[in-house]
Each structure stands twice: as C-alpha cells, then as structure tokens.
Amino acid sequence: MSHGLFPRRIETDRLTFERIRHEDVDPFELYEFFSRDDWQGAATEHMPWFRFGRLDEVVEFVDAAESQWADADTARYVLRSTDEDGDVVGVTAYGPEWEQRRGGSGIVLAGEYWGRGYGSERASAFVELNFETYDMAAWYSTCAAGNEASRRMIESYVDRYGGRHEGLLRQHSARPSGEVTDQHRFSILREEYEAATEDRDTLAFEVEW
C-alpha cells in the first residue's frame, strides 16, 4: 500500500506525534495551549517565533505546516503524552535537507514538562527514521548559546547515537527582533549511528503513514 513521505502519526513509549493539519488539529486547543504562561515565557525564550498571541496566528501556523508537508520540506507534529492523559505537551518537527542528505529536528515543550526525557524520546524516533527510513548520511541539531536545558537534552541523545558536539557557531541565527544569536551545533554521521546501534534494536515504535 502506498503512503505519504512523512508518517502522519508516531507512537513511542510515552509520546504520540500527531501531524499538524486542519483535519486533525483543533486550533482552539492549540491556542489555549500556546497561551500558557510556561509557553509564553521560558519555553519560547529561545524560540520566540512560537509565541502566538492570537487565534488567527495559530491558524496561519497550521496553514504553513500543511504547505511545508506538501512540499516535502518539513513534517510538523503536536506532541501528546500518555503520562498526561493525552494532553498536548509541545510541538516538534522533522526537517530533511534532501540535497545535502541530512536531517534534523526541533522541539518546544511547555515548561511544566521539562526534565522528563520527552525531548530525547522524540529525538530518538526521528534519528532512527532519518538514517533507516530516509537513508540520510547525517543528522544535525542546534540550540542557542545559553539554552542549557536544550543543550543537555541534545547531548544526551547525540551521545547515545555516537555523535558529537561540533562547536559554537558565532552570530549564526536571527530572531524576529533582529537579534542574532550564537548556536551550538551537534551532529551524528551514518557510520557513527550504525556503530552505536549495531547491537540493539531500532525503529521500536509505532508508525502510521
């Protein structure tokens, strides 16, 4: 049976990834979630473009996610946690760079859910899909200098898959305010991934296409 390029749903031990599209996502639920104090504050301090202040901005976000999916550019998902009775805990995305044969992922979690391993659990699914389903040559991830929570999360899963911290990219990324930030870059190469996973099972999660 044929299927789309990206999974429409992924289920790991504690997380469900639901494709962000109007057919599946309630914009009112997302708007309520994005209005939380721990989202508008600490969660998006380093990702201010996710600070939606109006319902129409949430709808535009869903519109953009559908367009990016159709263009095979980015797959965006709402994250729900079974530990929280299926409540939304954040959003994530997988972004392939087809010509460069590499992929990466970003995540924003509401502050209440930090420190529970959700970021690493989500990343493991994308890393394994990146190498085993999409046949990429590399994985990369970045986080802003000073974003210690994200750095610790990235270090935990990059180390698990044999990757490394590449260094600090100075004056690398611009925020909506015009501020330009330094970014830490991490990477995993195919040979590192294959060596790290040689003696363990991978893709041990549910995927619906």
Protein backbone atom coordinates (compact mmCIF):
# COMPACT_ATOMS: atom_id res chain seq x y z
CA MET A 1 0.00 0.00 0.00
CA SER A 2 1.36 3.44 -0.90
CA HIS A 3 1.80 6.09 1.75
CA GLY A 4 2.98 9.65 2.16
CA LEU A 5 6.57 10.71 2.54
CA PHE A 6 6.23 11.50 6.26
CA PRO A 7 4.44 9.50 8.96
CA ARG A 8 1.11 11.05 9.86
CA ARG A 9 1.34 9.56 13.37
CA ILE A 10 4.14 8.16 15.54
CA GLU A 11 3.74 6.46 18.91
CA THR A 12 6.71 5.95 21.23
CA ASP A 13 6.60 4.66 24.80
CA ARG A 14 5.13 7.87 26.24
CA LEU A 15 4.50 10.19 23.31
CA THR A 16 2.12 10.45 20.40
CA PHE A 17 3.14 12.60 17.44
CA GLU A 18 0.08 13.90 15.55
CA ARG A 19 0.51 15.59 12.19
CA ILE A 20 -0.35 19.28 12.32
CA ARG A 21 -3.14 19.81 9.81
CA HIS A 22 -6.63 21.23 9.99
CA GLU A 23 -8.19 17.79 9.63
CA ASP A 24 -6.53 16.52 12.82
CA VAL A 25 -5.75 19.56 14.99
CA ASP A 26 -8.19 21.74 16.91
CA PRO A 27 -6.92 25.34 16.60
CA PHE A 28 -8.78 26.31 19.78
CA GLU A 29 -6.98 23.60 21.74
CA LEU A 30 -3.64 24.73 20.32
CA TYR A 31 -4.41 28.37 21.06
CA GLU A 32 -5.24 27.53 24.67
CA PHE A 33 -2.00 25.56 24.98
CA PHE A 34 0.11 28.31 23.37
CA SER A 35 -1.42 30.84 25.78
CA ARG A 36 0.02 29.09 28.85
CA ASP A 37 2.37 31.16 30.97
CA ASP A 38 5.05 28.45 30.80
CA TRP A 39 4.82 28.56 26.99
CA GLN A 40 4.81 32.31 26.53
CA GLY A 41 7.71 32.56 28.98
CA ALA A 42 10.54 30.07 29.46
CA ALA A 43 9.54 27.57 26.76
CA THR A 44 9.81 30.06 23.92
CA GLU A 45 12.52 32.34 25.31
CA HIS A 46 14.93 30.99 22.69
CA MET A 47 12.19 30.23 20.11
CA PRO A 48 10.07 33.43 20.12
CA TRP A 49 8.52 32.73 16.70
CA PHE A 50 6.31 30.19 18.50
CA ARG A 51 4.78 32.85 20.78
CA PHE A 52 1.40 33.02 19.08
CA GLY A 53 -0.73 35.76 20.59
CA ARG A 54 -3.93 35.42 18.56
CA LEU A 55 -6.11 32.61 17.26
CA ASP A 56 -5.58 33.64 13.63
CA GLU A 57 -1.82 33.25 14.12
CA VAL A 58 -2.39 29.66 15.22
CA VAL A 59 -4.47 29.03 12.08
CA GLU A 60 -1.67 30.52 9.97
CA PHE A 61 0.79 28.18 11.72
CA VAL A 62 -1.36 25.18 10.78
CA ASP A 63 -1.68 26.51 7.21
CA ALA A 64 2.11 26.79 6.97
CA ALA A 65 2.57 23.28 8.37
CA GLU A 66 0.28 21.84 5.70
CA SER A 67 2.18 23.70 2.97
CA GLN A 68 5.57 22.54 4.27
CA TRP A 69 4.31 18.95 4.41
CA ALA A 70 3.01 19.12 0.83
CA ASP A 71 6.37 20.48 -0.35
CA ALA A 72 8.25 17.65 1.45
CA ASP A 73 10.10 20.37 3.32
CA THR A 74 9.13 19.86 6.97
CA ALA A 75 6.91 17.48 8.93
CA ARG A 76 5.34 19.20 11.95
CA TYR A 77 3.62 17.42 14.82
CA VAL A 78 1.76 18.09 18.03
CA LEU A 79 3.19 16.04 20.90
CA ARG A 80 0.82 14.40 23.37
CA SER A 81 1.94 12.48 26.45
CA THR A 82 0.37 9.30 27.77
CA ASP A 83 1.71 10.34 31.20
CA GLU A 84 -0.58 13.39 30.96
CA ASP A 85 -3.71 11.54 29.78
CA GLY A 86 -3.06 12.53 26.18
CA ASP A 87 -2.72 16.25 26.83
CA VAL A 88 -0.60 18.38 24.50
CA VAL A 89 2.90 18.94 25.92
CA GLY A 90 4.62 20.61 22.95
CA VAL A 91 5.30 20.69 19.24
CA THR A 92 8.09 19.18 17.17
CA ALA A 93 9.25 18.90 13.56
CA TYR A 94 11.48 16.82 11.34
CA GLY A 95 13.28 18.75 8.62
CA PRO A 96 15.07 16.87 5.84
CA GLU A 97 17.65 18.55 3.63
CA TRP A 98 17.41 16.18 0.69
CA GLU A 99 20.26 17.50 -1.45
CA GLN A 100 22.67 17.51 1.48
CA ARG A 101 21.38 14.09 2.64
CA ARG A 102 20.92 15.16 6.22
CA GLY A 103 18.03 15.78 8.57
CA GLY A 104 17.32 17.49 11.84
CA SER A 105 14.57 18.21 14.31
CA GLY A 106 13.36 20.91 16.66
CA ILE A 107 11.11 20.78 19.68
CA VAL A 108 9.38 23.20 22.05
CA LEU A 109 7.94 21.84 25.29
CA ALA A 110 5.87 23.77 27.81
CA GLY A 111 8.00 24.42 30.88
CA GLU A 112 5.97 22.08 33.09
CA TYR A 113 7.21 19.11 31.05
CA TRP A 114 10.93 19.83 31.06
CA GLY A 115 13.27 17.26 32.58
CA ARG A 116 11.06 14.25 31.85
CA GLY A 117 13.02 12.88 28.89
CA TYR A 118 10.36 13.76 26.32
CA GLY A 119 12.82 15.63 24.11
CA SER A 120 15.25 12.72 23.91
CA GLU A 121 12.44 10.19 23.35
CA ARG A 122 11.13 12.28 20.45
CA ALA A 123 14.62 12.73 19.01
CA SER A 124 15.37 9.00 19.07
CA ALA A 125 12.39 8.32 16.82
CA PHE A 126 13.45 10.97 14.31
CA VAL A 127 17.13 9.97 14.36
CA GLU A 128 16.26 6.36 13.57
CA LEU A 129 13.81 7.34 10.83
CA ASN A 130 16.43 9.73 9.45
CA PHE A 131 19.01 7.01 8.89
CA GLU A 132 16.93 3.87 8.37
CA THR A 133 13.86 5.11 6.51
CA TYR A 134 15.14 8.20 4.71
CA ASP A 135 18.68 6.87 4.10
CA MET A 136 20.34 10.11 5.16
CA ALA A 137 24.10 10.46 5.61
CA ALA A 138 23.95 12.72 8.66
CA TRP A 139 21.84 14.20 11.44
CA TYR A 140 22.33 17.63 12.93
CA SER A 141 20.84 19.76 15.66
CA THR A 142 21.47 23.23 17.05
CA CYS A 143 20.49 25.21 20.11
CA ALA A 144 21.11 28.76 21.19
CA ALA A 145 24.05 29.50 23.45
CA GLY A 146 22.65 29.90 26.94
CA ASN A 147 19.80 27.43 26.35
CA GLU A 148 21.21 24.91 28.78
CA ALA A 149 18.08 22.76 29.01
CA SER A 150 18.09 22.13 25.26
CA ARG A 151 21.84 21.59 25.21
CA ARG A 152 21.64 18.88 27.89
CA MET A 153 18.78 17.19 26.05
CA ILE A 154 20.64 17.20 22.72
CA GLU A 155 23.86 15.98 24.30
CA SER A 156 22.03 13.02 25.87
CA TYR A 157 20.69 11.57 22.63
CA VAL A 158 23.59 12.59 20.38
CA ASP A 159 25.95 10.72 22.69
CA ARG A 160 23.63 7.69 22.63
CA TYR A 161 23.93 7.53 18.85
CA GLY A 162 27.67 8.11 18.71
CA GLY A 163 27.60 11.74 17.57
CA ARG A 164 29.39 14.79 18.92
CA HIS A 165 29.31 18.50 19.65
CA GLU A 166 30.80 20.25 16.62
CA GLY A 167 31.30 23.64 18.26
CA LEU A 168 29.80 27.10 18.67
CA LEU A 169 28.64 28.91 15.54
CA ARG A 170 29.01 32.59 16.32
CA GLN A 171 26.43 35.13 15.10
CA HIS A 172 24.56 32.34 13.36
CA SER A 173 20.77 32.72 13.69
CA ALA A 174 18.46 35.72 13.69
CA ARG A 175 15.35 36.11 15.86
CA PRO A 176 12.23 38.05 14.85
CA SER A 177 13.51 41.00 16.89
CA GLY A 178 16.61 41.17 14.71
CA GLU A 179 18.87 39.85 17.47
CA VAL A 180 21.49 37.43 16.12
CA THR A 181 22.44 34.53 18.38
CA ASP A 182 25.31 32.10 18.73
CA GLN A 183 24.32 28.46 18.22
CA HIS A 184 25.81 25.17 19.42
CA ARG A 185 25.85 22.56 16.65
CA PHE A 186 25.76 18.79 17.12
CA SER A 187 25.94 16.04 14.51
CA ILE A 188 25.70 12.29 14.02
CA LEU A 189 27.19 10.68 10.91
CA ARG A 190 25.83 7.47 9.40
CA GLU A 191 28.89 5.41 10.37
CA GLU A 192 28.62 6.68 13.95
CA TYR A 193 24.94 5.80 14.09
CA GLU A 194 25.50 2.32 12.66
CA ALA A 195 28.29 1.58 15.12
CA ALA A 196 26.22 2.81 18.08
CA THR A 197 23.14 0.75 17.14
CA GLU A 198 24.87 -2.40 15.92
CA ASP A 199 23.89 -4.43 18.97
CA ARG A 200 20.44 -3.00 19.74
CA ASP A 201 17.01 -2.90 18.18
CA THR A 202 15.91 0.24 16.37
CA LEU A 203 12.61 1.57 15.00
CA ALA A 204 10.88 0.01 18.02
CA PHE A 205 7.91 2.36 17.87
CA GLU A 206 4.63 2.53 16.01
CA VAL A 207 4.38 4.47 12.76
CA GLU A 208 1.25 5.19 10.74
CA TRP A 209 1.69 6.51 7.22
